[in-house]
Amino acid sequence: MINSNDKILIEENGQYQFDFSTLEYVWEMDTLTTGVMLSDVDFITETNKDVLFIEYKNANIKDAVKPEAMLKKIKHGDFYQSIARKFYDSLLLFWANKGNEKESPIVYVLIIEGPSLDKKIRRQLKLKIMKQLPFKLKERLTDREIISNFEVYDLAEWAEKYPDIKITPIES
């Protein structure tokens, strides 16, 4: 299995760092799929109970060009399909590299921040994206569970749910 030696990673905007140092491994998917036509999540890691597929979107960052554009973007079906595709493409690569041989539950998490993205909107996002994910395949077509859960959190909810994986602003 691919394993990143550095477990403190900086997200693509260079504004937040993700600290996975308490976990066995973390995959930074962008570094693995450069030059390949895959749409991938940002990180894959494993806690003592779950494999986490993590996608991070933040329009509340310093110097954001159009922070209000995030709300417009999520009101279009393409956004839901894009977030779902990230799961599928990442799962393909993960399983191809013998990821999750223990068959731990796979949880996909979208961490999203932006102006006007309140709990109600995050709930709507969750419900619409869940319809695009393969929750019903286990009972019909597969020997193993493909996905166990999908959640949409803001940074505060993430910190409460996963305190071992700290996301902190980078001091400038």
N, C-alpha and C. Protein backbone atom coordinates (compact mmCIF):
# COMPACT_ATOMS: atom_id res chain seq x y z
N MET A 1 0.84 -1.18 0.00
CA MET A 1 0.00 0.00 0.00
C MET A 1 0.88 1.23 0.00
N ILE A 2 0.47 2.25 -0.69
CA ILE A 2 1.18 3.52 -0.71
C ILE A 2 1.04 4.17 0.66
N ASN A 3 2.12 4.75 1.15
CA ASN A 3 2.08 5.38 2.47
C ASN A 3 2.88 6.66 2.43
N SER A 4 2.29 7.75 2.85
CA SER A 4 2.99 9.02 2.92
C SER A 4 3.81 9.08 4.21
N ASN A 5 5.08 9.42 4.10
CA ASN A 5 5.91 9.54 5.29
C ASN A 5 5.57 10.81 6.07
N ASP A 6 5.22 11.86 5.36
CA ASP A 6 4.86 13.11 6.02
C ASP A 6 3.37 13.07 6.33
N LYS A 7 3.04 13.15 7.59
CA LYS A 7 1.63 13.04 7.98
C LYS A 7 1.02 14.38 8.37
N ILE A 8 1.74 15.46 8.15
CA ILE A 8 1.17 16.80 8.31
C ILE A 8 1.19 17.41 6.91
N LEU A 9 -0.01 17.55 6.35
CA LEU A 9 -0.14 17.95 4.95
C LEU A 9 -0.87 19.28 4.83
N ILE A 10 -0.52 20.02 3.82
CA ILE A 10 -1.14 21.33 3.58
C ILE A 10 -2.10 21.20 2.40
N GLU A 11 -3.32 21.70 2.59
CA GLU A 11 -4.32 21.62 1.52
C GLU A 11 -3.91 22.52 0.36
N GLU A 12 -4.57 22.32 -0.77
CA GLU A 12 -4.15 22.92 -2.03
C GLU A 12 -4.11 24.45 -2.05
N ASN A 13 -4.87 25.12 -1.20
CA ASN A 13 -4.84 26.58 -1.15
C ASN A 13 -3.73 27.11 -0.25
N GLY A 14 -3.05 26.21 0.45
CA GLY A 14 -1.94 26.60 1.31
C GLY A 14 -2.35 27.36 2.57
N GLN A 15 -3.61 27.26 2.97
CA GLN A 15 -4.09 28.03 4.11
C GLN A 15 -4.32 27.20 5.37
N TYR A 16 -4.53 25.88 5.20
CA TYR A 16 -4.80 25.00 6.34
C TYR A 16 -3.90 23.77 6.26
N GLN A 17 -3.53 23.29 7.44
CA GLN A 17 -2.79 22.03 7.49
C GLN A 17 -3.63 20.96 8.17
N PHE A 18 -3.46 19.75 7.69
CA PHE A 18 -4.15 18.58 8.21
C PHE A 18 -3.10 17.72 8.92
N ASP A 19 -3.33 17.43 10.18
CA ASP A 19 -2.37 16.65 10.96
C ASP A 19 -2.89 15.23 11.15
N PHE A 20 -2.29 14.31 10.42
CA PHE A 20 -2.64 12.89 10.49
C PHE A 20 -1.60 12.10 11.29
N SER A 21 -0.77 12.77 12.08
CA SER A 21 0.37 12.12 12.71
C SER A 21 0.01 11.02 13.70
N THR A 22 -1.21 10.99 14.21
CA THR A 22 -1.60 9.92 15.14
C THR A 22 -2.09 8.67 14.42
N LEU A 23 -2.15 8.72 13.10
CA LEU A 23 -2.69 7.60 12.32
C LEU A 23 -1.57 6.86 11.59
N GLU A 24 -1.87 5.62 11.21
CA GLU A 24 -0.87 4.78 10.57
C GLU A 24 -0.43 5.31 9.21
N TYR A 25 -1.37 5.80 8.41
CA TYR A 25 -1.02 6.27 7.07
C TYR A 25 -1.98 7.36 6.63
N VAL A 26 -1.56 8.08 5.61
CA VAL A 26 -2.42 9.02 4.91
C VAL A 26 -1.96 9.05 3.45
N TRP A 27 -2.91 9.04 2.56
CA TRP A 27 -2.63 9.22 1.14
C TRP A 27 -3.06 10.64 0.78
N GLU A 28 -2.18 11.40 0.18
CA GLU A 28 -2.54 12.69 -0.40
C GLU A 28 -2.78 12.42 -1.87
N MET A 29 -4.03 12.32 -2.23
CA MET A 29 -4.40 11.79 -3.54
C MET A 29 -3.88 12.62 -4.71
N ASP A 30 -3.82 13.94 -4.59
CA ASP A 30 -3.35 14.77 -5.70
C ASP A 30 -1.93 14.40 -6.13
N THR A 31 -1.10 14.02 -5.17
CA THR A 31 0.27 13.67 -5.51
C THR A 31 0.34 12.33 -6.23
N LEU A 32 -0.64 11.48 -6.03
CA LEU A 32 -0.65 10.16 -6.67
C LEU A 32 -1.24 10.20 -8.07
N THR A 33 -2.17 11.12 -8.31
CA THR A 33 -2.91 11.10 -9.57
C THR A 33 -2.52 12.21 -10.54
N THR A 34 -1.42 12.89 -10.29
CA THR A 34 -0.97 13.95 -11.18
C THR A 34 -0.79 13.40 -12.59
N GLY A 35 -1.39 14.06 -13.55
CA GLY A 35 -1.28 13.65 -14.94
C GLY A 35 -2.18 12.50 -15.34
N VAL A 36 -3.07 12.07 -14.46
CA VAL A 36 -3.98 10.97 -14.73
C VAL A 36 -5.40 11.52 -14.72
N MET A 37 -6.24 11.01 -15.57
CA MET A 37 -7.61 11.50 -15.68
C MET A 37 -8.51 10.90 -14.59
N LEU A 38 -8.16 11.14 -13.36
CA LEU A 38 -9.00 10.71 -12.24
C LEU A 38 -9.44 11.93 -11.47
N SER A 39 -10.61 11.85 -10.94
CA SER A 39 -11.13 12.88 -10.06
C SER A 39 -11.05 12.28 -8.66
N ASP A 40 -10.26 12.87 -7.79
CA ASP A 40 -9.98 12.20 -6.52
C ASP A 40 -10.31 13.05 -5.30
N VAL A 41 -10.49 12.37 -4.19
CA VAL A 41 -10.66 13.06 -2.91
C VAL A 41 -9.31 13.64 -2.52
N ASP A 42 -9.28 14.46 -1.51
CA ASP A 42 -8.02 15.07 -1.09
C ASP A 42 -7.14 14.10 -0.31
N PHE A 43 -7.75 13.36 0.64
CA PHE A 43 -6.96 12.48 1.49
C PHE A 43 -7.71 11.17 1.75
N ILE A 44 -6.95 10.11 1.96
CA ILE A 44 -7.49 8.85 2.45
C ILE A 44 -6.64 8.45 3.64
N THR A 45 -7.29 8.10 4.74
CA THR A 45 -6.58 7.67 5.94
C THR A 45 -7.44 6.65 6.66
N GLU A 46 -6.91 6.13 7.75
CA GLU A 46 -7.65 5.11 8.49
C GLU A 46 -7.54 5.38 9.99
N THR A 47 -8.68 5.42 10.65
CA THR A 47 -8.72 5.52 12.10
C THR A 47 -8.77 4.09 12.65
N ASN A 48 -8.94 3.97 13.95
CA ASN A 48 -9.02 2.62 14.53
C ASN A 48 -10.33 1.92 14.18
N LYS A 49 -11.28 2.62 13.56
CA LYS A 49 -12.54 1.97 13.20
C LYS A 49 -13.00 2.17 11.76
N ASP A 50 -12.52 3.20 11.08
CA ASP A 50 -13.00 3.52 9.74
C ASP A 50 -11.85 3.86 8.80
N VAL A 51 -12.08 3.64 7.51
CA VAL A 51 -11.25 4.23 6.47
C VAL A 51 -11.97 5.52 6.08
N LEU A 52 -11.25 6.63 6.05
CA LEU A 52 -11.86 7.92 5.73
C LEU A 52 -11.40 8.41 4.37
N PHE A 53 -12.36 8.73 3.52
CA PHE A 53 -12.11 9.43 2.27
C PHE A 53 -12.52 10.88 2.57
N ILE A 54 -11.60 11.81 2.45
CA ILE A 54 -11.83 13.20 2.87
C ILE A 54 -11.72 14.14 1.68
N GLU A 55 -12.78 14.89 1.43
CA GLU A 55 -12.78 15.95 0.43
C GLU A 55 -12.97 17.27 1.17
N TYR A 56 -12.14 18.25 0.85
CA TYR A 56 -12.12 19.52 1.57
C TYR A 56 -12.37 20.67 0.61
N LYS A 57 -13.36 21.50 0.94
CA LYS A 57 -13.68 22.70 0.16
C LYS A 57 -13.84 23.85 1.15
N ASN A 58 -13.15 24.97 0.89
CA ASN A 58 -13.24 26.09 1.83
C ASN A 58 -13.25 27.42 1.08
N ALA A 59 -14.38 28.10 1.11
CA ALA A 59 -14.50 29.43 0.49
C ALA A 59 -14.35 30.52 1.54
N ASN A 60 -14.05 30.15 2.78
CA ASN A 60 -13.84 31.14 3.84
C ASN A 60 -12.36 31.46 4.05
N ILE A 61 -11.53 31.07 3.10
CA ILE A 61 -10.11 31.31 3.25
C ILE A 61 -9.77 32.77 3.00
N LYS A 62 -8.64 33.17 3.55
CA LYS A 62 -8.15 34.54 3.36
C LYS A 62 -7.90 34.77 1.87
N ASP A 63 -8.28 35.92 1.38
CA ASP A 63 -8.09 36.32 -0.01
C ASP A 63 -8.89 35.48 -1.01
N ALA A 64 -9.99 34.89 -0.56
CA ALA A 64 -10.84 34.15 -1.49
C ALA A 64 -11.37 35.12 -2.53
N VAL A 65 -11.26 34.77 -3.80
CA VAL A 65 -11.64 35.67 -4.88
C VAL A 65 -13.15 35.91 -4.90
N LYS A 66 -13.93 34.85 -4.89
CA LYS A 66 -15.40 34.96 -4.91
C LYS A 66 -15.97 33.97 -3.90
N PRO A 67 -15.93 34.28 -2.61
CA PRO A 67 -16.41 33.32 -1.61
C PRO A 67 -17.89 32.97 -1.77
N GLU A 68 -18.68 33.90 -2.28
CA GLU A 68 -20.11 33.64 -2.45
C GLU A 68 -20.39 32.66 -3.61
N ALA A 69 -19.40 32.43 -4.44
CA ALA A 69 -19.57 31.52 -5.59
C ALA A 69 -19.79 30.08 -5.14
N MET A 70 -19.32 29.72 -3.95
CA MET A 70 -19.50 28.35 -3.46
C MET A 70 -20.98 28.01 -3.34
N LEU A 71 -21.77 28.93 -2.81
CA LEU A 71 -23.20 28.69 -2.67
C LEU A 71 -23.86 28.48 -4.04
N LYS A 72 -23.49 29.31 -5.02
CA LYS A 72 -24.01 29.14 -6.38
C LYS A 72 -23.61 27.78 -6.95
N LYS A 73 -22.37 27.43 -6.74
CA LYS A 73 -21.83 26.19 -7.28
C LYS A 73 -22.57 24.96 -6.75
N ILE A 74 -22.90 24.97 -5.48
CA ILE A 74 -23.55 23.79 -4.89
C ILE A 74 -25.03 23.69 -5.25
N LYS A 75 -25.56 24.72 -5.87
CA LYS A 75 -26.97 24.65 -6.28
C LYS A 75 -27.14 24.01 -7.64
N HIS A 76 -26.05 23.58 -8.25
CA HIS A 76 -26.11 22.93 -9.56
C HIS A 76 -25.77 21.45 -9.42
N GLY A 77 -26.45 20.62 -10.20
CA GLY A 77 -26.27 19.18 -10.16
C GLY A 77 -24.85 18.72 -10.43
N ASP A 78 -24.10 19.48 -11.22
CA ASP A 78 -22.72 19.11 -11.51
C ASP A 78 -21.88 18.98 -10.24
N PHE A 79 -22.15 19.81 -9.26
CA PHE A 79 -21.39 19.75 -8.01
C PHE A 79 -21.59 18.40 -7.33
N TYR A 80 -22.82 17.95 -7.25
CA TYR A 80 -23.11 16.68 -6.59
C TYR A 80 -22.44 15.52 -7.32
N GLN A 81 -22.52 15.55 -8.63
CA GLN A 81 -21.90 14.49 -9.45
C GLN A 81 -20.38 14.52 -9.30
N SER A 82 -19.81 15.70 -9.26
CA SER A 82 -18.37 15.84 -9.12
C SER A 82 -17.88 15.27 -7.77
N ILE A 83 -18.59 15.59 -6.71
CA ILE A 83 -18.21 15.09 -5.38
C ILE A 83 -18.37 13.57 -5.33
N ALA A 84 -19.41 13.04 -5.93
CA ALA A 84 -19.60 11.59 -5.96
C ALA A 84 -18.51 10.92 -6.79
N ARG A 85 -18.18 11.49 -7.92
CA ARG A 85 -17.15 10.88 -8.78
C ARG A 85 -15.81 10.82 -8.06
N LYS A 86 -15.51 11.79 -7.24
CA LYS A 86 -14.26 11.77 -6.48
C LYS A 86 -14.18 10.50 -5.63
N PHE A 87 -15.30 10.09 -5.07
CA PHE A 87 -15.31 8.87 -4.27
C PHE A 87 -15.01 7.66 -5.16
N TYR A 88 -15.73 7.53 -6.26
CA TYR A 88 -15.57 6.36 -7.14
C TYR A 88 -14.14 6.24 -7.66
N ASP A 89 -13.59 7.32 -8.18
CA ASP A 89 -12.24 7.27 -8.74
C ASP A 89 -11.20 6.97 -7.66
N SER A 90 -11.37 7.54 -6.49
CA SER A 90 -10.44 7.29 -5.39
C SER A 90 -10.54 5.85 -4.90
N LEU A 91 -11.75 5.33 -4.84
CA LEU A 91 -11.93 3.94 -4.41
C LEU A 91 -11.24 2.98 -5.37
N LEU A 92 -11.34 3.25 -6.66
CA LEU A 92 -10.68 2.42 -7.66
C LEU A 92 -9.18 2.34 -7.39
N LEU A 93 -8.55 3.48 -7.20
CA LEU A 93 -7.11 3.52 -6.94
C LEU A 93 -6.77 2.88 -5.60
N PHE A 94 -7.59 3.14 -4.61
CA PHE A 94 -7.37 2.60 -3.26
C PHE A 94 -7.41 1.07 -3.28
N TRP A 95 -8.43 0.50 -3.88
CA TRP A 95 -8.54 -0.96 -3.94
C TRP A 95 -7.47 -1.56 -4.86
N ALA A 96 -7.08 -0.85 -5.91
CA ALA A 96 -6.03 -1.35 -6.80
C ALA A 96 -4.69 -1.46 -6.07
N ASN A 97 -4.52 -0.66 -5.01
CA ASN A 97 -3.31 -0.70 -4.20
C ASN A 97 -3.50 -1.49 -2.91
N LYS A 98 -4.47 -2.39 -2.93
CA LYS A 98 -4.77 -3.28 -1.80
C LYS A 98 -5.18 -2.53 -0.54
N GLY A 99 -5.79 -1.37 -0.71
CA GLY A 99 -6.32 -0.63 0.42
C GLY A 99 -7.50 -1.34 1.04
N ASN A 100 -7.62 -1.27 2.32
CA ASN A 100 -8.74 -1.80 3.10
C ASN A 100 -8.85 -3.32 3.03
N GLU A 101 -7.73 -3.99 3.14
CA GLU A 101 -7.77 -5.46 3.17
C GLU A 101 -8.51 -5.99 4.40
N LYS A 102 -8.56 -5.18 5.47
CA LYS A 102 -9.29 -5.59 6.68
C LYS A 102 -10.80 -5.40 6.52
N GLU A 103 -11.20 -4.78 5.43
CA GLU A 103 -12.60 -4.49 5.15
C GLU A 103 -13.26 -3.65 6.24
N SER A 104 -12.55 -2.63 6.69
CA SER A 104 -13.11 -1.66 7.64
C SER A 104 -14.18 -0.85 6.93
N PRO A 105 -15.13 -0.30 7.68
CA PRO A 105 -16.14 0.56 7.05
C PRO A 105 -15.47 1.76 6.36
N ILE A 106 -15.94 2.09 5.19
CA ILE A 106 -15.43 3.26 4.46
C ILE A 106 -16.42 4.40 4.64
N VAL A 107 -15.92 5.50 5.16
CA VAL A 107 -16.73 6.70 5.40
C VAL A 107 -16.17 7.81 4.52
N TYR A 108 -17.04 8.40 3.73
CA TYR A 108 -16.67 9.52 2.87
C TYR A 108 -17.15 10.79 3.57
N VAL A 109 -16.24 11.76 3.73
CA VAL A 109 -16.56 13.00 4.43
C VAL A 109 -16.24 14.19 3.52
N LEU A 110 -17.23 15.05 3.35
CA LEU A 110 -17.03 16.33 2.68
C LEU A 110 -16.96 17.39 3.77
N ILE A 111 -15.82 18.04 3.89
CA ILE A 111 -15.67 19.16 4.82
C ILE A 111 -15.81 20.40 3.97
N ILE A 112 -16.82 21.21 4.28
CA ILE A 112 -17.10 22.37 3.43
C ILE A 112 -17.37 23.60 4.28
N GLU A 113 -16.72 24.70 3.90
CA GLU A 113 -16.88 25.98 4.57
C GLU A 113 -17.17 27.04 3.52
N GLY A 114 -18.03 27.96 3.86
CA GLY A 114 -18.31 29.06 2.94
C GLY A 114 -19.38 29.95 3.52
N PRO A 115 -19.43 31.19 3.03
CA PRO A 115 -20.48 32.10 3.48
C PRO A 115 -21.85 31.48 3.20
N SER A 116 -22.72 31.55 4.13
CA SER A 116 -24.10 31.07 4.01
C SER A 116 -24.24 29.55 3.97
N LEU A 117 -23.19 28.79 4.19
CA LEU A 117 -23.29 27.33 4.19
C LEU A 117 -23.58 26.86 5.62
N ASP A 118 -24.83 26.97 5.99
CA ASP A 118 -25.23 26.61 7.35
C ASP A 118 -25.56 25.13 7.44
N LYS A 119 -25.99 24.70 8.62
CA LYS A 119 -26.29 23.29 8.86
C LYS A 119 -27.39 22.77 7.92
N LYS A 120 -28.38 23.60 7.64
CA LYS A 120 -29.47 23.20 6.75
C LYS A 120 -28.94 22.91 5.34
N ILE A 121 -28.10 23.77 4.83
CA ILE A 121 -27.55 23.57 3.49
C ILE A 121 -26.63 22.35 3.46
N ARG A 122 -25.84 22.17 4.53
CA ARG A 122 -24.98 20.98 4.59
C ARG A 122 -25.82 19.70 4.59
N ARG A 123 -26.96 19.74 5.25
CA ARG A 123 -27.85 18.57 5.28
C ARG A 123 -28.41 18.29 3.88
N GLN A 124 -28.81 19.34 3.18
CA GLN A 124 -29.30 19.17 1.81
C GLN A 124 -28.21 18.60 0.90
N LEU A 125 -27.00 19.11 1.09
CA LEU A 125 -25.86 18.59 0.32
C LEU A 125 -25.69 17.10 0.56
N LYS A 126 -25.73 16.73 1.82
CA LYS A 126 -25.56 15.32 2.19
C LYS A 126 -26.60 14.45 1.49
N LEU A 127 -27.85 14.85 1.57
CA LEU A 127 -28.92 14.04 0.99
C LEU A 127 -28.80 13.91 -0.52
N LYS A 128 -28.44 15.02 -1.19
CA LYS A 128 -28.34 14.99 -2.65
C LYS A 128 -27.13 14.19 -3.12
N ILE A 129 -26.01 14.32 -2.43
CA ILE A 129 -24.81 13.59 -2.83
C ILE A 129 -24.96 12.11 -2.50
N MET A 130 -25.61 11.78 -1.39
CA MET A 130 -25.82 10.38 -1.02
C MET A 130 -26.54 9.61 -2.12
N LYS A 131 -27.44 10.28 -2.82
CA LYS A 131 -28.17 9.62 -3.91
C LYS A 131 -27.25 9.21 -5.05
N GLN A 132 -26.09 9.83 -5.13
CA GLN A 132 -25.12 9.54 -6.20
C GLN A 132 -24.12 8.45 -5.80
N LEU A 133 -24.14 8.05 -4.54
CA LEU A 133 -23.14 7.10 -4.02
C LEU A 133 -23.72 5.69 -3.92
N PRO A 134 -22.87 4.67 -3.95
CA PRO A 134 -23.32 3.27 -4.09
C PRO A 134 -23.76 2.59 -2.79
N PHE A 135 -24.65 3.19 -2.06
CA PHE A 135 -25.10 2.59 -0.79
C PHE A 135 -25.90 1.31 -0.99
N LYS A 136 -26.63 1.20 -2.06
CA LYS A 136 -27.53 0.05 -2.24
C LYS A 136 -26.88 -1.14 -2.96
N LEU A 137 -25.67 -1.00 -3.43
CA LEU A 137 -25.03 -2.08 -4.16
C LEU A 137 -24.72 -3.29 -3.29
N LYS A 138 -24.40 -3.10 -2.05
CA LYS A 138 -24.03 -4.22 -1.16
C LYS A 138 -25.12 -5.27 -1.14
N GLU A 139 -26.32 -4.84 -0.99
CA GLU A 139 -27.42 -5.81 -0.86
C GLU A 139 -27.73 -6.53 -2.17
N ARG A 140 -27.27 -5.97 -3.31
CA ARG A 140 -27.62 -6.58 -4.59
C ARG A 140 -26.46 -7.22 -5.35
N LEU A 141 -25.28 -6.61 -5.29
CA LEU A 141 -24.26 -7.00 -6.25
C LEU A 141 -22.88 -7.36 -5.70
N THR A 142 -22.58 -7.03 -4.48
CA THR A 142 -21.19 -7.17 -4.04
C THR A 142 -21.04 -8.05 -2.81
N ASP A 143 -19.82 -8.54 -2.64
CA ASP A 143 -19.50 -9.35 -1.47
C ASP A 143 -19.03 -8.51 -0.30
N ARG A 144 -18.65 -7.29 -0.57
CA ARG A 144 -18.19 -6.41 0.51
C ARG A 144 -18.87 -5.06 0.40
N GLU A 145 -18.92 -4.39 1.50
CA GLU A 145 -19.55 -3.07 1.54
C GLU A 145 -18.64 -2.05 0.85
N ILE A 146 -19.19 -1.29 -0.05
CA ILE A 146 -18.42 -0.31 -0.82
C ILE A 146 -18.28 1.00 -0.04
N ILE A 147 -19.36 1.42 0.59
CA ILE A 147 -19.35 2.65 1.38
C ILE A 147 -20.29 2.44 2.57
N SER A 148 -19.86 2.89 3.72
CA SER A 148 -20.66 2.71 4.93
C SER A 148 -21.45 3.96 5.30
N ASN A 149 -20.84 5.13 5.03
CA ASN A 149 -21.49 6.36 5.45
C ASN A 149 -20.93 7.52 4.63
N PHE A 150 -21.73 8.58 4.54
CA PHE A 150 -21.30 9.83 3.93
C PHE A 150 -21.75 10.95 4.84
N GLU A 151 -20.84 11.86 5.15
CA GLU A 151 -21.16 12.99 6.02
C GLU A 151 -20.67 14.29 5.40
N VAL A 152 -21.35 15.37 5.75
CA VAL A 152 -20.94 16.71 5.34
C VAL A 152 -20.79 17.53 6.62
N TYR A 153 -19.57 18.02 6.86
CA TYR A 153 -19.27 18.76 8.08
C TYR A 153 -18.65 20.11 7.74
N ASP A 154 -18.78 21.05 8.66
CA ASP A 154 -17.95 22.24 8.61
C ASP A 154 -16.73 21.93 9.49
N LEU A 155 -15.81 22.87 9.63
CA LEU A 155 -14.59 22.60 10.38
C LEU A 155 -14.86 22.33 11.87
N ALA A 156 -15.82 23.01 12.45
CA ALA A 156 -16.14 22.80 13.87
C ALA A 156 -16.72 21.40 14.09
N GLU A 157 -17.62 20.99 13.21
CA GLU A 157 -18.21 19.65 13.33
C GLU A 157 -17.14 18.57 13.12
N TRP A 158 -16.23 18.80 12.17
CA TRP A 158 -15.13 17.86 11.94
C TRP A 158 -14.29 17.72 13.22
N ALA A 159 -13.91 18.84 13.82
CA ALA A 159 -13.07 18.81 15.02
C ALA A 159 -13.74 18.05 16.15
N GLU A 160 -15.04 18.15 16.24
CA GLU A 160 -15.79 17.44 17.27
C GLU A 160 -15.84 15.93 16.98
N LYS A 161 -16.03 15.57 15.74
CA LYS A 161 -16.17 14.17 15.34
C LYS A 161 -14.82 13.44 15.26
N TYR A 162 -13.80 14.14 14.77
CA TYR A 162 -12.48 13.53 14.57
C TYR A 162 -11.39 14.38 15.23
N PRO A 163 -11.34 14.42 16.56
CA PRO A 163 -10.36 15.26 17.24
C PRO A 163 -8.91 14.83 17.01
N ASP A 164 -8.68 13.59 16.59
CA ASP A 164 -7.32 13.12 16.35
C ASP A 164 -6.74 13.62 15.04
N ILE A 165 -7.59 14.12 14.15
CA ILE A 165 -7.13 14.68 12.88
C ILE A 165 -7.40 16.17 12.93
N LYS A 166 -6.38 16.91 13.29
CA LYS A 166 -6.56 18.36 13.49
C LYS A 166 -6.37 19.11 12.16
N ILE A 167 -7.28 20.03 11.94
CA ILE A 167 -7.18 20.93 10.78
C ILE A 167 -7.01 22.33 11.35
N THR A 168 -5.87 22.94 11.07
CA THR A 168 -5.58 24.25 11.65
C THR A 168 -5.09 25.23 10.59
N PRO A 169 -5.42 26.52 10.79
CA PRO A 169 -4.92 27.53 9.85
C PRO A 169 -3.40 27.63 9.94
N ILE A 170 -2.79 27.91 8.82
CA ILE A 170 -1.35 28.12 8.79
C ILE A 170 -1.09 29.59 9.10
N GLU A 171 -0.23 29.82 10.05
CA GLU A 171 0.11 31.19 10.43
C GLU A 171 0.96 31.82 9.33
N SER A 172 0.62 33.05 8.95
CA SER A 172 1.41 33.70 7.90
C SER A 172 2.38 34.71 8.46
